[in-house]
Amino acid sequence: MALFGKKKEEKKEETSCYCCGGEQTATETASTCCGEKVDGICCIKVLGSGCKACHQLYDNTVKAVEGMGIEVEYVTDLQKIMEYGAMSMPALVVNEKLVSSGKTLKSAEILKIIGK
């Protein structure tokens, strides 16, 4: 019996990979993440609201991966940001995993995080 006329919602398998347009499921993403890995990295995202610090992190990230063939995505959609669990901006996501939140990293620090 459902309370107040609400029915149980069916669980949908959510997509978690936004670098491929959300076409892969969470289980597919965990193993391949779009299948286009460059030096073990499939995607890098900067999460931010559009402030100066967020743009600075994006610029530093682009400079850090310049010449590696890795595309950096800038995400401003708050719903997507909350799915990563980022509580403060700017935030950095590598291979769909939150690696930094709340500070503007320099290019050298970003290279250290991604292992280069």
C-alpha atoms as a PDB file:
ATOM      1  CA  MET A   1       0.000   0.000   0.000  1.00  0.00           C
ATOM      2  CA  ALA A   2       1.364   3.355  -0.985  1.00  0.00           C
ATOM      3  CA  LEU A   3       0.907   6.344   1.271  1.00  0.00           C
ATOM      4  CA  PHE A   4      -0.792   9.445  -0.077  1.00  0.00           C
ATOM      5  CA  GLY A   5      -1.298   7.911  -3.495  1.00  0.00           C
ATOM      6  CA  LYS A   6       2.393   7.761  -4.366  1.00  0.00           C
ATOM      7  CA  LYS A   7       3.599   4.643  -6.093  1.00  0.00           C
ATOM      8  CA  LYS A   8       7.008   3.144  -5.809  1.00  0.00           C
ATOM      9  CA  GLU A   9       9.259   4.375  -8.550  1.00  0.00           C
ATOM     10  CA  GLU A  10      11.169   1.905 -10.630  1.00  0.00           C
ATOM     11  CA  LYS A  11      14.908   2.091 -10.223  1.00  0.00           C
ATOM     12  CA  LYS A  12      16.600   3.221 -13.366  1.00  0.00           C
ATOM     13  CA  GLU A  13      20.243   2.517 -14.058  1.00  0.00           C
ATOM     14  CA  GLU A  14      21.738   5.973 -14.150  1.00  0.00           C
ATOM     15  CA  THR A  15      24.442   7.057 -16.508  1.00  0.00           C
ATOM     16  CA  SER A  16      27.469   8.544 -14.853  1.00  0.00           C
ATOM     17  CA  CYS A  17      29.791   9.333 -17.726  1.00  0.00           C
ATOM     18  CA  TYR A  18      29.145  12.779 -19.116  1.00  0.00           C
ATOM     19  CA  CYS A  19      32.208  12.865 -21.340  1.00  0.00           C
ATOM     20  CA  CYS A  20      30.488  10.481 -23.760  1.00  0.00           C
ATOM     21  CA  GLY A  21      27.138  12.201 -23.456  1.00  0.00           C
ATOM     22  CA  GLY A  22      25.900   9.884 -20.734  1.00  0.00           C
ATOM     23  CA  GLU A  23      25.558   6.928 -23.078  1.00  0.00           C
ATOM     24  CA  GLN A  24      27.306   4.421 -20.836  1.00  0.00           C
ATOM     25  CA  THR A  25      26.036   3.034 -17.548  1.00  0.00           C
ATOM     26  CA  ALA A  26      27.898   3.215 -14.257  1.00  0.00           C
ATOM     27  CA  THR A  27      29.221  -0.344 -14.631  1.00  0.00           C
ATOM     28  CA  GLU A  28      30.472   0.281 -18.154  1.00  0.00           C
ATOM     29  CA  THR A  29      32.047   3.554 -17.108  1.00  0.00           C
ATOM     30  CA  ALA A  30      33.973   2.005 -14.241  1.00  0.00           C
ATOM     31  CA  SER A  31      35.832  -0.294 -16.600  1.00  0.00           C
ATOM     32  CA  THR A  32      36.331   1.817 -19.720  1.00  0.00           C
ATOM     33  CA  CYS A  33      34.916   5.351 -19.306  1.00  0.00           C
ATOM     34  CA  CYS A  34      34.218   5.883 -22.998  1.00  0.00           C
ATOM     35  CA  GLY A  35      37.027   3.568 -24.074  1.00  0.00           C
ATOM     36  CA  GLU A  36      39.327   6.460 -25.008  1.00  0.00           C
ATOM     37  CA  LYS A  37      42.038   6.503 -22.358  1.00  0.00           C
ATOM     38  CA  VAL A  38      45.130   8.606 -22.870  1.00  0.00           C
ATOM     39  CA  ASP A  39      47.876   7.600 -20.442  1.00  0.00           C
ATOM     40  CA  GLY A  40      45.235   6.079 -18.150  1.00  0.00           C
ATOM     41  CA  ILE A  41      43.040   9.190 -18.172  1.00  0.00           C
ATOM     42  CA  CYS A  42      39.734   9.177 -20.013  1.00  0.00           C
ATOM     43  CA  CYS A  43      38.280  12.501 -18.939  1.00  0.00           C
ATOM     44  CA  ILE A  44      39.039  15.549 -16.825  1.00  0.00           C
ATOM     45  CA  LYS A  45      36.317  17.911 -15.673  1.00  0.00           C
ATOM     46  CA  VAL A  46      36.372  21.204 -13.853  1.00  0.00           C
ATOM     47  CA  LEU A  47      33.231  21.764 -11.797  1.00  0.00           C
ATOM     48  CA  GLY A  48      32.334  25.355 -11.088  1.00  0.00           C
ATOM     49  CA  SER A  49      29.733  28.053 -10.899  1.00  0.00           C
ATOM     50  CA  GLY A  50      31.439  30.408 -13.346  1.00  0.00           C
ATOM     51  CA  CYS A  51      33.404  32.512 -10.885  1.00  0.00           C
ATOM     52  CA  LYS A  52      36.960  33.773 -11.383  1.00  0.00           C
ATOM     53  CA  ALA A  53      38.522  30.943  -9.349  1.00  0.00           C
ATOM     54  CA  CYS A  54      36.633  28.323 -11.358  1.00  0.00           C
ATOM     55  CA  HIS A  55      37.797  29.796 -14.657  1.00  0.00           C
ATOM     56  CA  GLN A  56      41.356  29.968 -13.317  1.00  0.00           C
ATOM     57  CA  LEU A  57      41.289  26.247 -12.416  1.00  0.00           C
ATOM     58  CA  TYR A  58      39.962  25.462 -15.891  1.00  0.00           C
ATOM     59  CA  ASP A  59      42.746  27.495 -17.531  1.00  0.00           C
ATOM     60  CA  ASN A  60      45.407  25.858 -15.327  1.00  0.00           C
ATOM     61  CA  THR A  61      44.041  22.400 -16.141  1.00  0.00           C
ATOM     62  CA  VAL A  62      44.077  23.082 -19.880  1.00  0.00           C
ATOM     63  CA  LYS A  63      47.698  24.286 -19.602  1.00  0.00           C
ATOM     64  CA  ALA A  64      48.665  21.198 -17.569  1.00  0.00           C
ATOM     65  CA  VAL A  65      47.336  18.684 -20.109  1.00  0.00           C
ATOM     66  CA  GLU A  66      48.350  20.666 -23.178  1.00  0.00           C
ATOM     67  CA  GLY A  67      49.846  18.373 -25.779  1.00  0.00           C
ATOM     68  CA  MET A  68      48.600  15.166 -24.123  1.00  0.00           C
ATOM     69  CA  GLY A  69      45.467  14.860 -26.229  1.00  0.00           C
ATOM     70  CA  ILE A  70      43.171  14.981 -23.202  1.00  0.00           C
ATOM     71  CA  GLU A  71      40.044  17.109 -23.419  1.00  0.00           C
ATOM     72  CA  VAL A  72      39.033  19.166 -20.384  1.00  0.00           C
ATOM     73  CA  GLU A  73      35.322  19.767 -19.814  1.00  0.00           C
ATOM     74  CA  TYR A  74      33.923  22.694 -17.811  1.00  0.00           C
ATOM     75  CA  VAL A  75      30.721  21.711 -15.977  1.00  0.00           C
ATOM     76  CA  THR A  76      28.414  24.402 -14.564  1.00  0.00           C
ATOM     77  CA  ASP A  77      25.205  22.384 -14.223  1.00  0.00           C
ATOM     78  CA  LEU A  78      24.529  22.216 -10.474  1.00  0.00           C
ATOM     79  CA  GLN A  79      22.702  18.894 -10.736  1.00  0.00           C
ATOM     80  CA  LYS A  80      25.756  17.244 -12.318  1.00  0.00           C
ATOM     81  CA  ILE A  81      28.070  18.918  -9.809  1.00  0.00           C
ATOM     82  CA  MET A  82      26.046  17.544  -6.901  1.00  0.00           C
ATOM     83  CA  GLU A  83      26.236  14.029  -8.375  1.00  0.00           C
ATOM     84  CA  TYR A  84      30.009  14.159  -7.895  1.00  0.00           C
ATOM     85  CA  GLY A  85      29.599  15.171  -4.252  1.00  0.00           C
ATOM     86  CA  ALA A  86      31.527  18.422  -4.561  1.00  0.00           C
ATOM     87  CA  MET A  87      30.589  20.664  -1.660  1.00  0.00           C
ATOM     88  CA  SER A  88      32.742  23.654  -2.603  1.00  0.00           C
ATOM     89  CA  MET A  89      33.883  25.146  -5.880  1.00  0.00           C
ATOM     90  CA  PRO A  90      36.039  24.926  -7.903  1.00  0.00           C
ATOM     91  CA  ALA A  91      36.443  21.169  -8.061  1.00  0.00           C
ATOM     92  CA  LEU A  92      38.481  18.834 -10.253  1.00  0.00           C
ATOM     93  CA  VAL A  93      37.277  15.420 -11.462  1.00  0.00           C
ATOM     94  CA  VAL A  94      39.631  12.901 -13.083  1.00  0.00           C
ATOM     95  CA  ASN A  95      38.239   9.644 -14.520  1.00  0.00           C
ATOM     96  CA  GLU A  96      34.834  10.381 -12.940  1.00  0.00           C
ATOM     97  CA  LYS A  97      36.395  10.658  -9.453  1.00  0.00           C
ATOM     98  CA  LEU A  98      36.494  13.873  -7.423  1.00  0.00           C
ATOM     99  CA  VAL A  99      40.165  14.591  -6.667  1.00  0.00           C
ATOM    100  CA  SER A 100      40.136  18.210  -5.497  1.00  0.00           C
ATOM    101  CA  SER A 101      37.534  20.585  -4.143  1.00  0.00           C
ATOM    102  CA  GLY A 102      37.527  24.127  -2.828  1.00  0.00           C
ATOM    103  CA  LYS A 103      40.867  25.382  -4.109  1.00  0.00           C
ATOM    104  CA  THR A 104      42.432  26.667  -7.299  1.00  0.00           C
ATOM    105  CA  LEU A 105      45.259  24.335  -8.194  1.00  0.00           C
ATOM    106  CA  LYS A 106      48.302  25.392 -10.212  1.00  0.00           C
ATOM    107  CA  SER A 107      49.349  23.483 -13.333  1.00  0.00           C
ATOM    108  CA  ALA A 108      52.178  21.699 -11.490  1.00  0.00           C
ATOM    109  CA  GLU A 109      49.774  20.509  -8.774  1.00  0.00           C
ATOM    110  CA  ILE A 110      47.353  19.201 -11.402  1.00  0.00           C
ATOM    111  CA  LEU A 111      50.140  17.271 -13.123  1.00  0.00           C
ATOM    112  CA  LYS A 112      51.093  15.742  -9.773  1.00  0.00           C
ATOM    113  CA  ILE A 113      47.479  14.660  -9.150  1.00  0.00           C
ATOM    114  CA  ILE A 114      47.079  13.006 -12.534  1.00  0.00           C
ATOM    115  CA  GLY A 115      50.458  11.316 -12.153  1.00  0.00           C
ATOM    116  CA  LYS A 116      52.588  13.101 -14.748  1.00  0.00           C
END
